[in-house]
Amino acid sequence: MAGRKESPWLERKERTVLESGHSSLYVYAQKDRDIQFAKWAQDEHYAVCGGGFPIIEDREVTGAICVSGLAHLEDHKVITEVLKQMI
């Protein structure tokens, strides 16, 4: 089943978002400027690529929306397109 195969990526993207407080694409874009993000890029527990987006309530990250299975920029685009429809 495709979903099960992708779940480690979803877990890694979620961890990246929850611990950084930013989208995983932001972490990817900042990895050459931020030593912590650079370390995460080499750590199998994190996914430093697009596809994870924070849910923020009252200025606090309360969860994450994560997509996996496409190219990482496309994963990110799926999330932003859905969020645009909801706003």
N, C-alpha and C. Protein backbone atom coordinates (compact mmCIF):
# COMPACT_ATOMS: atom_id res chain seq x y z
N MET A 1 0.84 -1.17 0.00
CA MET A 1 0.00 0.00 0.00
C MET A 1 0.89 1.25 0.00
N ALA A 2 0.66 2.16 -0.90
CA ALA A 2 1.52 3.33 -1.09
C ALA A 2 1.62 4.18 0.17
N GLY A 3 0.53 4.40 0.86
CA GLY A 3 0.54 5.24 2.06
C GLY A 3 1.49 4.74 3.13
N ARG A 4 1.51 3.45 3.33
CA ARG A 4 2.40 2.88 4.34
C ARG A 4 3.86 3.08 3.96
N LYS A 5 4.16 2.94 2.70
CA LYS A 5 5.53 3.12 2.23
C LYS A 5 6.01 4.55 2.49
N GLU A 6 5.11 5.50 2.39
CA GLU A 6 5.48 6.90 2.55
C GLU A 6 5.47 7.37 4.01
N SER A 7 4.92 6.59 4.94
CA SER A 7 4.76 7.10 6.30
C SER A 7 6.06 7.51 6.98
N PRO A 8 7.21 6.87 6.75
CA PRO A 8 8.43 7.40 7.37
C PRO A 8 8.74 8.83 6.91
N TRP A 9 8.47 9.14 5.65
CA TRP A 9 8.67 10.50 5.16
C TRP A 9 7.71 11.46 5.85
N LEU A 10 6.47 11.04 6.04
CA LEU A 10 5.50 11.90 6.72
C LEU A 10 5.94 12.18 8.15
N GLU A 11 6.42 11.16 8.83
CA GLU A 11 6.90 11.33 10.20
C GLU A 11 8.10 12.28 10.25
N ARG A 12 9.00 12.14 9.30
CA ARG A 12 10.18 13.00 9.25
C ARG A 12 9.79 14.46 8.96
N LYS A 13 8.86 14.64 8.03
CA LYS A 13 8.39 16.00 7.71
C LYS A 13 7.69 16.61 8.92
N GLU A 14 6.86 15.81 9.58
CA GLU A 14 6.16 16.32 10.77
C GLU A 14 7.15 16.74 11.84
N ARG A 15 8.15 15.92 12.11
CA ARG A 15 9.16 16.25 13.12
C ARG A 15 9.87 17.56 12.76
N THR A 16 10.22 17.70 11.49
CA THR A 16 10.90 18.92 11.02
C THR A 16 10.05 20.15 11.29
N VAL A 17 8.77 20.07 10.96
CA VAL A 17 7.85 21.20 11.15
C VAL A 17 7.66 21.50 12.64
N LEU A 18 7.35 20.48 13.42
CA LEU A 18 7.05 20.70 14.84
C LEU A 18 8.25 21.24 15.61
N GLU A 19 9.43 20.77 15.28
CA GLU A 19 10.61 21.22 16.01
C GLU A 19 11.15 22.56 15.53
N SER A 20 10.91 22.89 14.26
CA SER A 20 11.40 24.17 13.74
C SER A 20 10.38 25.29 13.88
N GLY A 21 9.09 24.93 13.85
CA GLY A 21 8.04 25.94 13.85
C GLY A 21 7.83 26.57 12.49
N HIS A 22 8.43 25.98 11.47
CA HIS A 22 8.35 26.49 10.10
C HIS A 22 7.96 25.36 9.16
N SER A 23 7.63 25.73 7.93
CA SER A 23 7.39 24.70 6.92
C SER A 23 8.71 23.97 6.66
N SER A 24 8.60 22.73 6.23
CA SER A 24 9.82 21.99 5.91
C SER A 24 10.52 22.58 4.68
N LEU A 25 9.77 23.24 3.81
CA LEU A 25 10.40 23.91 2.66
C LEU A 25 11.22 25.11 3.13
N TYR A 26 10.75 25.83 4.14
CA TYR A 26 11.53 26.93 4.73
C TYR A 26 12.84 26.38 5.29
N VAL A 27 12.75 25.27 6.02
CA VAL A 27 13.96 24.66 6.59
C VAL A 27 14.93 24.29 5.46
N TYR A 28 14.39 23.73 4.39
CA TYR A 28 15.21 23.39 3.21
C TYR A 28 15.90 24.64 2.66
N ALA A 29 15.16 25.73 2.53
CA ALA A 29 15.71 26.97 1.97
C ALA A 29 16.76 27.60 2.88
N GLN A 30 16.67 27.35 4.18
CA GLN A 30 17.58 27.97 5.15
C GLN A 30 18.74 27.08 5.58
N LYS A 31 18.79 25.86 5.08
CA LYS A 31 19.78 24.90 5.58
C LYS A 31 21.23 25.34 5.40
N ASP A 32 21.51 26.19 4.42
CA ASP A 32 22.88 26.67 4.23
C ASP A 32 23.18 27.88 5.12
N ARG A 33 22.17 28.42 5.79
CA ARG A 33 22.34 29.60 6.64
C ARG A 33 22.16 29.28 8.13
N ASP A 34 21.61 28.13 8.43
CA ASP A 34 21.29 27.78 9.81
C ASP A 34 21.96 26.45 10.16
N ILE A 35 22.84 26.47 11.13
CA ILE A 35 23.62 25.28 11.47
C ILE A 35 22.73 24.12 11.92
N GLN A 36 21.66 24.42 12.67
CA GLN A 36 20.76 23.35 13.12
C GLN A 36 20.07 22.68 11.94
N PHE A 37 19.58 23.49 11.00
CA PHE A 37 18.91 22.94 9.83
C PHE A 37 19.90 22.16 8.97
N ALA A 38 21.14 22.61 8.91
CA ALA A 38 22.17 21.88 8.15
C ALA A 38 22.41 20.51 8.78
N LYS A 39 22.41 20.44 10.10
CA LYS A 39 22.57 19.15 10.79
C LYS A 39 21.38 18.24 10.50
N TRP A 40 20.17 18.80 10.50
CA TRP A 40 18.98 18.01 10.22
C TRP A 40 19.03 17.41 8.82
N ALA A 41 19.64 18.12 7.88
CA ALA A 41 19.73 17.63 6.50
C ALA A 41 20.51 16.32 6.43
N GLN A 42 21.36 16.07 7.42
CA GLN A 42 22.17 14.84 7.46
C GLN A 42 21.59 13.79 8.41
N ASP A 43 20.49 14.11 9.06
CA ASP A 43 19.90 13.24 10.08
C ASP A 43 18.67 12.52 9.52
N GLU A 44 18.65 11.21 9.62
CA GLU A 44 17.55 10.42 9.06
C GLU A 44 16.22 10.62 9.77
N HIS A 45 16.21 11.33 10.88
CA HIS A 45 14.97 11.57 11.61
C HIS A 45 14.22 12.81 11.13
N TYR A 46 14.84 13.58 10.24
CA TYR A 46 14.24 14.81 9.72
C TYR A 46 14.15 14.75 8.20
N ALA A 47 13.23 15.51 7.65
CA ALA A 47 13.09 15.63 6.20
C ALA A 47 13.25 17.11 5.84
N VAL A 48 14.40 17.45 5.34
CA VAL A 48 14.69 18.83 4.97
C VAL A 48 14.36 18.98 3.49
N CYS A 49 13.07 19.10 3.23
CA CYS A 49 12.52 19.21 1.88
C CYS A 49 11.07 19.68 2.01
N GLY A 50 10.45 20.04 0.92
CA GLY A 50 9.07 20.50 0.98
C GLY A 50 8.09 19.39 1.31
N GLY A 51 6.93 19.77 1.81
CA GLY A 51 5.88 18.80 2.08
C GLY A 51 5.35 18.79 3.49
N GLY A 52 5.84 19.68 4.34
CA GLY A 52 5.32 19.80 5.70
C GLY A 52 5.03 21.26 6.00
N PHE A 53 3.89 21.53 6.63
CA PHE A 53 3.45 22.90 6.86
C PHE A 53 2.86 23.00 8.27
N PRO A 54 3.24 24.03 9.04
CA PRO A 54 2.74 24.12 10.42
C PRO A 54 1.28 24.58 10.50
N ILE A 55 0.60 24.08 11.50
CA ILE A 55 -0.72 24.59 11.89
C ILE A 55 -0.46 25.46 13.11
N ILE A 56 -0.80 26.73 13.01
CA ILE A 56 -0.50 27.68 14.08
C ILE A 56 -1.80 28.25 14.62
N GLU A 57 -1.96 28.16 15.94
CA GLU A 57 -3.11 28.74 16.63
C GLU A 57 -2.58 29.58 17.78
N ASP A 58 -3.06 30.82 17.86
CA ASP A 58 -2.62 31.73 18.92
C ASP A 58 -1.09 31.80 19.01
N ARG A 59 -0.45 31.92 17.86
CA ARG A 59 1.01 32.04 17.74
C ARG A 59 1.78 30.82 18.23
N GLU A 60 1.13 29.68 18.29
CA GLU A 60 1.78 28.45 18.74
C GLU A 60 1.55 27.36 17.70
N VAL A 61 2.60 26.62 17.40
CA VAL A 61 2.47 25.49 16.47
C VAL A 61 1.75 24.37 17.21
N THR A 62 0.58 23.99 16.70
CA THR A 62 -0.23 22.97 17.35
C THR A 62 -0.30 21.67 16.55
N GLY A 63 0.27 21.68 15.36
CA GLY A 63 0.24 20.49 14.52
C GLY A 63 0.92 20.76 13.20
N ALA A 64 0.80 19.79 12.31
CA ALA A 64 1.42 19.91 10.99
C ALA A 64 0.56 19.22 9.95
N ILE A 65 0.57 19.78 8.75
CA ILE A 65 -0.04 19.15 7.58
C ILE A 65 1.13 18.63 6.76
N CYS A 66 1.12 17.35 6.43
CA CYS A 66 2.24 16.79 5.67
C CYS A 66 1.73 15.98 4.48
N VAL A 67 2.45 16.09 3.38
CA VAL A 67 2.15 15.37 2.14
C VAL A 67 3.44 14.74 1.65
N SER A 68 3.34 13.52 1.16
CA SER A 68 4.51 12.84 0.60
C SER A 68 4.07 11.97 -0.56
N GLY A 69 4.95 11.78 -1.49
CA GLY A 69 4.66 10.89 -2.62
C GLY A 69 4.97 11.52 -3.96
N LEU A 70 5.05 12.85 -4.00
CA LEU A 70 5.40 13.57 -5.22
C LEU A 70 6.80 14.15 -5.03
N ALA A 71 7.28 14.87 -6.03
CA ALA A 71 8.51 15.63 -5.83
C ALA A 71 8.26 16.63 -4.70
N HIS A 72 9.28 16.93 -3.92
CA HIS A 72 9.05 17.70 -2.69
C HIS A 72 8.41 19.06 -2.93
N LEU A 73 8.73 19.73 -4.02
CA LEU A 73 8.08 21.02 -4.29
C LEU A 73 6.60 20.83 -4.63
N GLU A 74 6.28 19.72 -5.27
CA GLU A 74 4.87 19.41 -5.56
C GLU A 74 4.12 19.04 -4.28
N ASP A 75 4.78 18.31 -3.38
CA ASP A 75 4.16 18.02 -2.08
C ASP A 75 3.77 19.33 -1.39
N HIS A 76 4.68 20.29 -1.39
CA HIS A 76 4.42 21.58 -0.76
C HIS A 76 3.28 22.31 -1.46
N LYS A 77 3.27 22.24 -2.77
CA LYS A 77 2.23 22.93 -3.54
C LYS A 77 0.84 22.36 -3.24
N VAL A 78 0.74 21.05 -3.05
CA VAL A 78 -0.55 20.43 -2.70
C VAL A 78 -1.09 21.09 -1.43
N ILE A 79 -0.23 21.25 -0.44
CA ILE A 79 -0.66 21.85 0.82
C ILE A 79 -1.10 23.29 0.62
N THR A 80 -0.29 24.08 -0.06
CA THR A 80 -0.63 25.50 -0.21
C THR A 80 -1.90 25.69 -1.04
N GLU A 81 -2.12 24.84 -2.03
CA GLU A 81 -3.34 24.96 -2.84
C GLU A 81 -4.58 24.63 -2.01
N VAL A 82 -4.50 23.62 -1.18
CA VAL A 82 -5.63 23.26 -0.31
C VAL A 82 -5.90 24.38 0.69
N LEU A 83 -4.84 24.91 1.28
CA LEU A 83 -5.02 26.00 2.25
C LEU A 83 -5.63 27.23 1.60
N LYS A 84 -5.25 27.55 0.38
CA LYS A 84 -5.84 28.68 -0.34
C LYS A 84 -7.35 28.50 -0.48
N GLN A 85 -7.78 27.28 -0.75
CA GLN A 85 -9.21 27.00 -0.92
C GLN A 85 -9.96 27.14 0.40
N MET A 86 -9.29 26.91 1.50
CA MET A 86 -9.94 26.95 2.81
C MET A 86 -10.05 28.37 3.37
N ILE A 87 -9.22 29.26 2.88
CA ILE A 87 -9.19 30.63 3.43
C ILE A 87 -10.22 31.49 2.74
